[in-house]
N, C-alpha and C. Protein backbone atom coordinates (compact mmCIF):
# COMPACT_ATOMS: atom_id res chain seq x y z
N MET A 1 -9.84 -22.32 0.91
CA MET A 1 -8.66 -22.56 -0.52
C MET A 1 -9.18 -22.04 -1.66
N LYS A 2 -8.03 -21.33 -2.41
CA LYS A 2 -8.35 -20.86 -3.94
C LYS A 2 -7.97 -21.88 -4.70
N CYS A 3 -8.72 -22.05 -5.68
CA CYS A 3 -8.63 -23.35 -6.96
C CYS A 3 -8.90 -22.58 -8.26
N PRO A 4 -8.34 -21.55 -8.71
CA PRO A 4 -8.83 -20.38 -9.94
C PRO A 4 -9.17 -21.02 -10.97
N GLU A 5 -8.39 -22.70 -11.35
CA GLU A 5 -8.49 -23.38 -12.47
C GLU A 5 -9.55 -24.61 -12.15
N ALA A 6 -10.09 -24.33 -11.22
CA ALA A 6 -10.86 -25.78 -10.39
C ALA A 6 -12.23 -25.75 -11.36
N GLN A 7 -12.44 -26.93 -11.78
CA GLN A 7 -13.52 -27.22 -13.36
C GLN A 7 -14.78 -27.33 -12.16
N CYS A 8 -15.00 -27.42 -10.77
CA CYS A 8 -16.09 -28.07 -10.01
C CYS A 8 -16.52 -26.58 -9.17
N MET A 9 -16.52 -25.47 -9.62
CA MET A 9 -16.58 -24.62 -8.73
C MET A 9 -17.71 -24.35 -8.34
N GLY A 10 -17.54 -23.59 -7.00
CA GLY A 10 -19.28 -23.17 -6.50
C GLY A 10 -19.34 -24.41 -5.11
N VAL A 11 -20.06 -24.39 -4.37
CA VAL A 11 -20.36 -25.66 -3.63
C VAL A 11 -20.46 -26.73 -3.91
N ASN A 12 -19.89 -27.84 -3.03
CA ASN A 12 -20.03 -29.43 -3.45
C ASN A 12 -20.47 -29.77 -2.37
N ILE A 13 -21.37 -30.73 -2.56
CA ILE A 13 -21.96 -31.21 -1.29
C ILE A 13 -21.61 -32.94 -1.50
N LEU A 14 -20.90 -33.44 -0.28
CA LEU A 14 -20.70 -35.32 -1.08
C LEU A 14 -21.36 -35.73 0.16
N GLU A 15 -21.19 -37.05 0.25
CA GLU A 15 -21.33 -37.98 1.06
C GLU A 15 -20.17 -39.20 1.54
N TYR A 16 -19.88 -39.54 2.43
CA TYR A 16 -19.24 -40.36 2.39
C TYR A 16 -19.56 -41.82 3.85
N SER A 17 -18.92 -42.72 3.69
CA SER A 17 -19.03 -43.80 4.92
C SER A 17 -17.83 -44.48 5.39
N ILE A 18 -18.07 -44.81 6.01
CA ILE A 18 -16.34 -45.18 6.87
C ILE A 18 -17.16 -46.82 7.56
N VAL A 19 -16.20 -47.76 6.86
CA VAL A 19 -16.66 -48.87 7.24
C VAL A 19 -15.33 -49.86 8.04
N PRO A 20 -15.52 -49.72 9.79
CA PRO A 20 -14.79 -50.36 10.15
C PRO A 20 -15.10 -52.04 9.97
N HIS A 21 -13.50 -52.65 9.83
CA HIS A 21 -13.39 -54.23 9.56
C HIS A 21 -12.26 -54.94 9.98
N LEU A 22 -12.18 -55.82 9.84
CA LEU A 22 -11.08 -56.86 10.32
C LEU A 22 -10.67 -57.21 9.35
N GLY A 23 -9.37 -57.47 9.34
CA GLY A 23 -8.67 -58.23 7.72
C GLY A 23 -8.53 -56.81 6.57
N ASP A 24 -8.42 -57.84 5.70
CA ASP A 24 -8.05 -56.73 4.47
C ASP A 24 -9.45 -56.46 3.62
N ILE A 25 -9.50 -55.95 3.03
CA ILE A 25 -10.95 -54.90 1.86
C ILE A 25 -11.23 -56.19 1.43
N ASP A 26 -10.57 -57.17 0.97
CA ASP A 26 -11.51 -58.56 -0.10
C ASP A 26 -12.13 -59.34 1.40
N ALA A 27 -11.09 -59.59 2.41
CA ALA A 27 -12.37 -60.47 3.52
C ALA A 27 -13.24 -59.47 3.57
N ALA A 28 -13.68 -58.14 4.12
CA ALA A 28 -14.47 -57.32 4.26
C ALA A 28 -15.44 -56.79 3.22
N LYS A 29 -15.05 -57.44 2.35
CA LYS A 29 -16.01 -56.98 1.20
C LYS A 29 -16.27 -55.61 1.06
N ILE A 30 -15.23 -54.86 1.14
CA ILE A 30 -15.43 -53.18 0.83
C ILE A 30 -16.05 -52.72 -0.36
N SER A 31 -15.79 -53.43 -1.60
CA SER A 31 -16.26 -53.13 -2.67
C SER A 31 -17.62 -52.80 -2.56
N GLU A 32 -17.84 -54.31 -2.58
CA GLU A 32 -19.54 -54.97 -2.28
C GLU A 32 -20.08 -53.76 -1.27
N GLU A 33 -19.75 -53.32 -0.27
CA GLU A 33 -20.53 -52.74 0.72
C GLU A 33 -20.56 -50.97 0.16
N ALA A 34 -19.33 -50.65 -0.62
CA ALA A 34 -19.68 -49.47 -1.46
C ALA A 34 -20.33 -49.31 -2.28
N PHE A 35 -20.24 -50.28 -3.30
CA PHE A 35 -21.43 -50.56 -4.23
C PHE A 35 -23.09 -50.20 -3.49
N LYS A 36 -23.31 -51.22 -2.68
CA LYS A 36 -24.50 -50.74 -2.10
C LYS A 36 -24.89 -49.77 -1.27
N TYR A 37 -23.90 -48.76 -1.14
CA TYR A 37 -23.94 -47.42 -0.38
C TYR A 37 -24.39 -46.48 -1.63
N VAL A 38 -23.82 -47.06 -2.89
CA VAL A 38 -23.99 -45.48 -4.01
C VAL A 38 -25.19 -46.09 -4.49
N TYR A 39 -25.63 -47.52 -4.83
CA TYR A 39 -26.85 -48.03 -5.65
C TYR A 39 -27.61 -49.10 -5.21
N GLU A 40 -28.74 -48.44 -4.38
CA GLU A 40 -29.23 -49.53 -3.35
C GLU A 40 -29.92 -50.11 -4.88
N PRO A 41 -30.07 -51.81 -5.24
CA PRO A 41 -30.50 -52.37 -6.33
C PRO A 41 -32.09 -52.61 -5.98
N TYR A 42 -32.81 -52.13 -7.47
CA TYR A 42 -33.78 -52.09 -7.64
C TYR A 42 -34.60 -53.33 -8.47
N SER A 43 -35.35 -54.07 -8.75
CA SER A 43 -35.76 -55.06 -10.25
C SER A 43 -37.07 -54.75 -10.27
N VAL A 44 -37.07 -54.41 -11.42
CA VAL A 44 -38.53 -54.10 -11.61
C VAL A 44 -39.08 -54.73 -13.01
N GLN A 45 -40.05 -55.32 -13.12
CA GLN A 45 -40.52 -55.88 -14.52
C GLN A 45 -41.74 -55.67 -15.22
N ASN A 46 -41.70 -55.50 -16.11
CA ASN A 46 -42.94 -54.79 -16.82
C ASN A 46 -43.54 -53.51 -16.51
N ILE A 47 -42.34 -52.54 -15.97
CA ILE A 47 -43.07 -51.54 -15.83
C ILE A 47 -44.19 -50.52 -16.51
N LEU A 48 -44.00 -50.57 -17.70
CA LEU A 48 -44.66 -49.47 -18.78
C LEU A 48 -45.51 -50.21 -19.84
N GLU A 49 -46.51 -49.68 -20.34
CA GLU A 49 -46.51 -50.35 -21.47
C GLU A 49 -48.13 -49.51 -21.92
N ILE A 50 -47.19 -48.42 -22.76
CA ILE A 50 -47.68 -47.41 -23.89
C ILE A 50 -48.44 -47.55 -25.12
N GLU A 51 -49.47 -47.13 -25.07
CA GLU A 51 -49.77 -47.39 -26.89
C GLU A 51 -50.04 -45.76 -27.48
N GLU A 52 -50.45 -45.24 -26.70
CA GLU A 52 -50.43 -43.72 -27.76
C GLU A 52 -49.19 -42.95 -27.39
N SER A 53 -48.82 -42.07 -28.59
CA SER A 53 -47.58 -41.30 -28.68
C SER A 53 -47.65 -39.96 -27.30
N SER A 54 -48.88 -39.23 -27.43
CA SER A 54 -48.70 -38.75 -26.15
C SER A 54 -48.36 -39.16 -24.88
N GLU A 55 -49.18 -40.60 -24.25
CA GLU A 55 -48.76 -41.29 -23.13
C GLU A 55 -47.18 -41.14 -23.64
N LYS A 56 -46.55 -41.61 -24.47
CA LYS A 56 -45.16 -41.91 -24.69
C LYS A 56 -44.15 -40.77 -24.41
N GLU A 57 -44.67 -39.98 -24.92
CA GLU A 57 -43.55 -38.49 -24.50
C GLU A 57 -43.63 -38.04 -23.12
N LYS A 58 -44.85 -38.06 -22.29
CA LYS A 58 -45.14 -37.73 -20.91
C LYS A 58 -44.03 -38.72 -20.42
N TYR A 59 -43.82 -39.85 -20.83
CA TYR A 59 -42.96 -40.75 -20.19
C TYR A 59 -41.50 -41.08 -20.22
N PHE A 60 -41.33 -39.96 -21.74
CA PHE A 60 -39.53 -39.94 -21.60
C PHE A 60 -39.41 -38.32 -20.48
N ASN A 61 -40.13 -37.89 -19.63
CA ASN A 61 -39.84 -36.95 -18.85
C ASN A 61 -39.27 -37.98 -17.59
N ILE A 62 -37.82 -37.56 -17.08
CA ILE A 62 -36.99 -38.65 -16.25
C ILE A 62 -38.00 -38.74 -14.84
N TYR A 63 -38.48 -37.47 -14.28
CA TYR A 63 -39.15 -37.43 -13.05
C TYR A 63 -40.56 -38.35 -13.01
N THR A 64 -41.33 -37.97 -14.28
CA THR A 64 -42.29 -39.10 -14.52
C THR A 64 -42.54 -40.42 -14.29
N LEU A 65 -40.93 -40.75 -15.07
CA LEU A 65 -40.81 -42.10 -15.54
C LEU A 65 -39.99 -42.56 -13.87
N THR A 66 -39.50 -41.79 -13.25
CA THR A 66 -38.56 -42.28 -12.01
C THR A 66 -40.06 -42.23 -10.65
N ASP A 67 -40.91 -41.69 -10.81
CA ASP A 67 -42.22 -41.58 -10.09
C ASP A 67 -42.98 -43.04 -10.12
N HIS A 68 -43.09 -43.44 -11.58
CA HIS A 68 -43.62 -44.56 -11.87
C HIS A 68 -43.22 -45.59 -11.33
N ILE A 69 -41.90 -46.04 -11.64
CA ILE A 69 -40.81 -46.76 -11.14
C ILE A 69 -40.98 -47.12 -9.46
N MET A 70 -41.15 -46.02 -8.95
CA MET A 70 -40.96 -46.04 -7.40
C MET A 70 -42.53 -46.40 -7.02
N GLU A 71 -43.48 -46.33 -7.64
CA GLU A 71 -44.83 -46.95 -7.27
C GLU A 71 -44.52 -48.47 -7.75
N GLN A 72 -43.86 -48.55 -8.54
CA GLN A 72 -43.78 -49.96 -8.69
C GLN A 72 -42.89 -51.11 -7.80
N ILE A 73 -42.19 -50.84 -7.26
CA ILE A 73 -41.04 -50.67 -6.57
C ILE A 73 -41.80 -51.08 -5.14
N LYS A 74 -42.67 -50.18 -4.66
CA LYS A 74 -43.49 -50.27 -3.43
C LYS A 74 -44.33 -51.69 -3.33
N GLU A 75 -44.54 -52.22 -4.38
CA GLU A 75 -45.40 -53.20 -4.29
C GLU A 75 -44.74 -54.53 -4.36
N ILE A 76 -43.40 -54.50 -4.57
CA ILE A 76 -42.29 -55.91 -4.58
C ILE A 76 -42.33 -56.12 -3.35
N GLN A 77 -42.19 -57.45 -3.13
CA GLN A 77 -41.85 -58.04 -1.98
C GLN A 77 -40.52 -59.18 -1.97
N PRO A 78 -39.82 -58.82 -1.35
CA PRO A 78 -38.56 -59.81 -1.34
C PRO A 78 -38.79 -61.25 -1.91
N ARG A 79 -37.89 -61.92 -2.43
CA ARG A 79 -37.71 -63.10 -2.92
C ARG A 79 -36.22 -63.64 -2.56
N ASP A 80 -36.49 -65.56 -2.53
CA ASP A 80 -35.52 -66.06 -1.78
C ASP A 80 -34.57 -66.20 -3.20
N TYR A 81 -34.72 -65.80 -4.05
CA TYR A 81 -33.59 -66.28 -5.03
C TYR A 81 -34.00 -64.86 -6.30
N GLY A 82 -32.52 -64.17 -6.81
CA GLY A 82 -32.76 -63.70 -7.67
C GLY A 82 -32.48 -63.61 -9.50
N LEU A 83 -32.60 -62.74 -10.24
CA LEU A 83 -32.24 -62.95 -11.54
C LEU A 83 -31.08 -63.79 -12.11
N ILE A 84 -30.22 -63.12 -11.41
CA ILE A 84 -28.69 -63.67 -11.36
C ILE A 84 -28.07 -64.05 -10.29
N ASP A 85 -26.99 -65.17 -9.98
CA ASP A 85 -26.73 -65.49 -8.84
C ASP A 85 -25.29 -65.64 -9.09
N ILE A 86 -24.11 -65.30 -8.49
CA ILE A 86 -23.12 -65.43 -8.66
C ILE A 86 -22.33 -65.90 -7.45
N ASP A 87 -21.66 -66.96 -7.61
CA ASP A 87 -21.38 -67.76 -6.26
C ASP A 87 -20.09 -67.32 -5.65
N ASP A 88 -19.57 -65.99 -6.02
CA ASP A 88 -18.50 -65.55 -4.97
C ASP A 88 -18.63 -64.23 -5.14
N ASP A 89 -18.61 -63.68 -3.82
CA ASP A 89 -18.99 -62.30 -3.56
C ASP A 89 -18.27 -60.88 -4.04
N ASN A 90 -17.35 -61.38 -4.56
CA ASN A 90 -16.37 -60.49 -5.21
C ASN A 90 -16.48 -59.97 -6.81
N ILE A 91 -17.16 -60.77 -7.24
CA ILE A 91 -17.78 -60.41 -8.77
C ILE A 91 -19.01 -59.70 -8.75
N LEU A 92 -19.05 -58.46 -9.08
CA LEU A 92 -20.04 -57.56 -9.17
C LEU A 92 -20.71 -57.67 -10.60
N ILE A 93 -22.00 -57.33 -10.57
CA ILE A 93 -22.48 -56.58 -12.23
C ILE A 93 -22.61 -55.34 -11.95
N SER A 94 -22.01 -54.77 -12.98
CA SER A 94 -21.55 -53.64 -13.37
C SER A 94 -22.70 -53.26 -14.01
N ALA A 95 -23.11 -54.02 -15.18
CA ALA A 95 -24.23 -53.76 -16.13
C ALA A 95 -24.79 -54.88 -16.73
N ILE A 96 -26.02 -54.61 -16.85
CA ILE A 96 -27.13 -55.24 -17.66
C ILE A 96 -27.81 -54.31 -18.75
N LYS A 97 -27.42 -54.99 -20.03
CA LYS A 97 -27.92 -54.03 -21.49
C LYS A 97 -28.43 -54.62 -22.69
N LYS A 98 -29.14 -54.34 -23.53
CA LYS A 98 -29.31 -54.89 -24.79
C LYS A 98 -27.91 -54.49 -25.36
N ALA A 99 -27.27 -55.24 -26.31
CA ALA A 99 -26.57 -55.53 -27.30
C ALA A 99 -26.88 -54.35 -28.23
N GLU A 100 -25.43 -53.55 -28.72
CA GLU A 100 -25.78 -52.46 -29.83
C GLU A 100 -26.02 -53.26 -30.86
N GLU A 101 -25.48 -54.35 -31.47
CA GLU A 101 -25.69 -54.83 -32.79
C GLU A 101 -26.61 -55.85 -33.03
N ASP A 102 -27.32 -56.73 -32.02
CA ASP A 102 -28.15 -57.61 -31.98
C ASP A 102 -29.36 -57.22 -30.97
N GLU A 103 -29.75 -58.38 -31.00
CA GLU A 103 -31.30 -58.45 -29.55
C GLU A 103 -30.17 -59.24 -28.75
N SER A 104 -29.45 -59.32 -28.43
CA SER A 104 -28.43 -60.22 -27.03
C SER A 104 -28.64 -59.42 -26.04
N LEU A 105 -28.61 -60.25 -24.59
CA LEU A 105 -28.25 -59.09 -23.40
C LEU A 105 -26.84 -59.47 -23.26
N ILE A 106 -26.38 -57.77 -22.69
CA ILE A 106 -24.72 -57.89 -22.43
C ILE A 106 -25.01 -58.10 -20.87
N LEU A 107 -23.70 -58.56 -20.36
CA LEU A 107 -24.07 -58.95 -19.01
C LEU A 107 -22.55 -58.18 -18.51
N ARG A 108 -22.00 -57.20 -17.59
CA ARG A 108 -20.67 -57.15 -17.34
C ARG A 108 -20.24 -57.19 -15.87
N LEU A 109 -19.63 -57.97 -15.82
CA LEU A 109 -19.14 -58.55 -14.10
C LEU A 109 -17.85 -57.60 -14.01
N TYR A 110 -17.55 -57.26 -12.60
CA TYR A 110 -16.45 -56.77 -12.10
C TYR A 110 -15.74 -57.58 -11.03
N ASN A 111 -14.50 -57.84 -11.14
CA ASN A 111 -13.86 -58.81 -10.08
C ASN A 111 -13.29 -57.29 -9.06
N SER A 112 -13.88 -57.44 -7.78
CA SER A 112 -13.68 -56.09 -7.09
C SER A 112 -12.45 -56.45 -5.83
N SER A 113 -11.85 -57.79 -6.29
CA SER A 113 -10.92 -57.84 -5.19
C SER A 113 -9.77 -57.98 -5.72
N SER A 114 -8.32 -57.93 -4.85
CA SER A 114 -7.15 -57.69 -4.97
C SER A 114 -6.53 -59.20 -5.79
N ARG A 115 -7.85 -60.35 -5.89
CA ARG A 115 -7.06 -61.30 -6.16
C ARG A 115 -7.36 -62.04 -7.28
N GLU A 116 -6.98 -62.93 -7.87
CA GLU A 116 -7.38 -63.47 -9.46
C GLU A 116 -8.58 -64.33 -9.07
N ILE A 117 -9.76 -64.55 -9.72
CA ILE A 117 -10.72 -65.49 -9.14
C ILE A 117 -10.41 -66.59 -10.30
N GLU A 118 -10.39 -67.55 -9.66
CA GLU A 118 -10.02 -68.94 -10.50
C GLU A 118 -11.31 -69.54 -11.26
N LYS A 119 -11.91 -69.50 -10.56
CA LYS A 119 -13.57 -70.08 -11.06
C LYS A 119 -14.49 -69.43 -10.54
N THR A 120 -15.60 -69.08 -10.97
CA THR A 120 -16.84 -68.75 -10.49
C THR A 120 -18.15 -69.10 -11.26
N ARG A 121 -18.73 -69.38 -10.65
CA ARG A 121 -20.05 -70.29 -11.25
C ARG A 121 -21.41 -69.14 -11.41
N ILE A 122 -22.17 -69.23 -12.68
CA ILE A 122 -22.96 -68.02 -12.69
C ILE A 122 -24.44 -68.79 -12.87
N SER A 123 -25.53 -68.10 -12.36
CA SER A 123 -26.71 -69.42 -12.78
C SER A 123 -27.70 -67.82 -13.07
N ILE A 124 -28.09 -67.97 -14.38
CA ILE A 124 -29.13 -66.98 -14.99
C ILE A 124 -30.90 -67.73 -14.91
N ASP A 125 -31.65 -66.85 -14.62
CA ASP A 125 -33.11 -67.30 -14.59
C ASP A 125 -33.87 -66.43 -15.60
N ILE A 126 -33.11 -67.26 -16.93
CA ILE A 126 -33.60 -66.87 -18.48
C ILE A 126 -33.78 -67.96 -19.38
N GLU A 127 -34.87 -68.90 -19.60
CA GLU A 127 -34.97 -70.23 -19.93
C GLU A 127 -33.96 -69.91 -21.47
N ARG A 128 -34.58 -68.47 -22.06
CA ARG A 128 -34.22 -68.89 -23.49
C ARG A 128 -32.90 -68.36 -23.94
N ILE A 129 -31.71 -68.79 -22.86
CA ILE A 129 -30.24 -68.25 -23.09
C ILE A 129 -29.96 -69.74 -24.00
N LYS A 130 -29.16 -69.47 -25.05
CA LYS A 130 -28.65 -70.67 -25.80
C LYS A 130 -27.25 -70.62 -25.78
N GLU A 131 -26.64 -69.63 -26.17
CA GLU A 131 -25.07 -69.58 -25.95
C GLU A 131 -24.70 -68.28 -24.81
N ILE A 132 -23.60 -68.20 -24.87
CA ILE A 132 -23.03 -67.13 -23.90
C ILE A 132 -21.14 -66.84 -24.51
N TRP A 133 -21.05 -65.83 -24.54
CA TRP A 133 -19.73 -65.52 -25.16
C TRP A 133 -19.22 -64.52 -24.46
N LEU A 134 -17.75 -64.71 -24.38
CA LEU A 134 -16.93 -63.54 -23.49
C LEU A 134 -16.68 -62.85 -24.57
N CYS A 135 -16.67 -61.49 -24.63
CA CYS A 135 -16.58 -60.70 -25.40
C CYS A 135 -15.51 -59.29 -24.56
N ASN A 136 -15.27 -58.39 -25.72
CA ASN A 136 -14.43 -57.59 -25.23
C ASN A 136 -15.39 -56.36 -25.14
N LEU A 137 -15.02 -55.03 -24.56
CA LEU A 137 -15.70 -53.90 -24.60
C LEU A 137 -16.74 -53.82 -25.75
N GLY A 138 -16.08 -53.78 -26.98
CA GLY A 138 -16.71 -53.15 -27.80
C GLY A 138 -18.04 -54.11 -28.51
N GLU A 139 -18.29 -55.42 -27.69
CA GLU A 139 -18.92 -56.64 -27.91
C GLU A 139 -18.64 -57.51 -28.90
N GLU A 140 -17.58 -57.55 -29.15
CA GLU A 140 -16.93 -58.58 -30.43
C GLU A 140 -16.68 -59.69 -29.69
N GLU A 141 -17.47 -61.00 -30.09
CA GLU A 141 -17.32 -62.08 -29.73
C GLU A 141 -15.78 -62.68 -29.59
N LEU A 142 -15.31 -63.69 -28.41
CA LEU A 142 -13.82 -63.62 -28.16
C LEU A 142 -13.76 -65.40 -28.04
N GLU A 143 -14.44 -65.65 -26.95
CA GLU A 143 -14.89 -67.39 -26.95
C GLU A 143 -16.05 -67.71 -26.41
N LYS A 144 -16.47 -68.81 -26.79
CA LYS A 144 -17.60 -69.03 -26.36
C LYS A 144 -17.69 -69.83 -24.60
N ILE A 145 -18.85 -69.82 -24.10
CA ILE A 145 -18.36 -70.22 -22.70
C ILE A 145 -19.17 -71.41 -23.01
N ASP A 146 -19.13 -72.50 -22.38
CA ASP A 146 -19.99 -73.89 -22.38
C ASP A 146 -21.13 -73.39 -21.08
N ILE A 147 -22.35 -73.93 -21.87
CA ILE A 147 -23.47 -73.56 -20.61
C ILE A 147 -23.52 -75.03 -19.92
N ILE A 148 -23.11 -74.97 -18.48
CA ILE A 148 -23.11 -76.47 -17.77
C ILE A 148 -24.61 -77.36 -17.71
N SER A 149 -25.73 -76.22 -17.20
CA SER A 149 -26.91 -76.59 -17.45
C SER A 149 -27.63 -75.85 -17.50
N LYS A 150 -28.91 -75.88 -17.46
CA LYS A 150 -29.93 -74.74 -17.71
C LYS A 150 -29.64 -73.65 -17.26
N GLY A 151 -29.14 -72.75 -17.76
CA GLY A 151 -28.61 -70.97 -17.32
C GLY A 151 -27.66 -71.27 -16.45
N GLU A 152 -26.58 -71.99 -16.40
CA GLU A 152 -25.58 -71.97 -15.43
C GLU A 152 -24.27 -71.87 -16.17
N PHE A 153 -23.59 -71.61 -15.93
CA PHE A 153 -21.77 -71.78 -16.67
C PHE A 153 -21.04 -71.30 -15.56
N GLU A 154 -19.63 -71.33 -16.17
CA GLU A 154 -18.20 -70.79 -15.10
C GLU A 154 -17.58 -70.13 -15.86
N ILE A 155 -16.88 -69.07 -15.04
CA ILE A 155 -15.88 -68.28 -16.14
C ILE A 155 -14.85 -68.41 -15.31
N GLN A 156 -13.73 -68.39 -15.50
CA GLN A 156 -12.59 -69.19 -15.25
C GLN A 156 -11.46 -67.59 -15.31
N ASN A 157 -10.58 -67.89 -14.12
CA ASN A 157 -9.19 -66.72 -14.58
C ASN A 157 -9.83 -65.44 -14.22
N ILE A 158 -10.34 -64.78 -13.44
CA ILE A 158 -10.64 -63.29 -13.96
C ILE A 158 -10.10 -62.19 -13.19
N LYS A 159 -9.10 -61.80 -13.56
CA LYS A 159 -7.88 -60.71 -13.05
C LYS A 159 -8.47 -59.70 -12.05
N PRO A 160 -7.63 -59.48 -10.92
CA PRO A 160 -8.58 -58.46 -10.00
C PRO A 160 -8.52 -57.32 -10.83
N TYR A 161 -9.65 -56.75 -10.17
CA TYR A 161 -10.20 -55.41 -10.66
C TYR A 161 -10.72 -55.05 -12.37
N THR A 162 -11.13 -56.25 -12.56
CA THR A 162 -10.98 -56.76 -14.11
C THR A 162 -12.55 -56.58 -14.55
N VAL A 163 -12.98 -55.79 -15.43
CA VAL A 163 -14.27 -56.34 -16.04
C VAL A 163 -14.18 -56.92 -17.14
N ILE A 164 -15.28 -58.16 -17.07
CA ILE A 164 -15.20 -58.67 -18.07
C ILE A 164 -16.97 -58.71 -18.89
N THR A 165 -16.97 -58.77 -19.89
CA THR A 165 -18.17 -58.52 -20.78
C THR A 165 -18.63 -60.28 -21.71
N LEU A 166 -20.12 -60.18 -21.25
CA LEU A 166 -20.52 -61.44 -21.58
C LEU A 166 -21.99 -61.29 -22.24
N LYS A 167 -21.81 -61.94 -23.56
CA LYS A 167 -22.92 -61.76 -24.51
C LYS A 167 -23.85 -62.82 -24.34
N LEU A 168 -25.27 -62.70 -23.99
CA LEU A 168 -26.10 -64.01 -23.67
C LEU A 168 -26.88 -63.89 -25.21
N LYS A 169 -26.98 -65.26 -25.68
CA LYS A 169 -27.77 -65.00 -26.90
C LYS A 169 -28.97 -65.92 -26.71
N SER A 170 -30.00 -65.65 -27.13
CA SER A 170 -31.25 -66.51 -27.49
C SER A 170 -31.44 -66.84 -28.84
N ASN A 171 -32.66 -67.88 -28.79
CA ASN A 171 -33.21 -68.35 -30.25
C ASN A 171 -32.68 -67.02 -31.46
């Protein structure tokens, strides 16, 4: 097929997966399966402590850093719990990052289902969290979220296929 105006000229290689299932895509958790297919989750703590500037330059090379992380991952044993636990399988983590304007942690969640999630409970195993804010994508605080108990809170009325941004503040 000729595509003279195509922006992806040349040979393109892609992978796909077929997931036979009963019921609708929400009941079969197709979004979760698709996410696992594309991104196998890893958690690595304290991967790197570099003091000399020549060593820092070495680790800015993505291949060197990736090799270092893979070495760390080989030693990780599965645990019975995770850093973040969400009680609804349709709510997926789409990003965890440092906030742009301060030292807060940004957690982005995605409702992967075609239905509104009325309420979901989230537990985060970080002791220093003192405040949680619902934010817009620009990380502007919109509404303070009550912490139920240490590291636990609830989010209500998450619309279908919606991303929500949370700002987790410590001392």
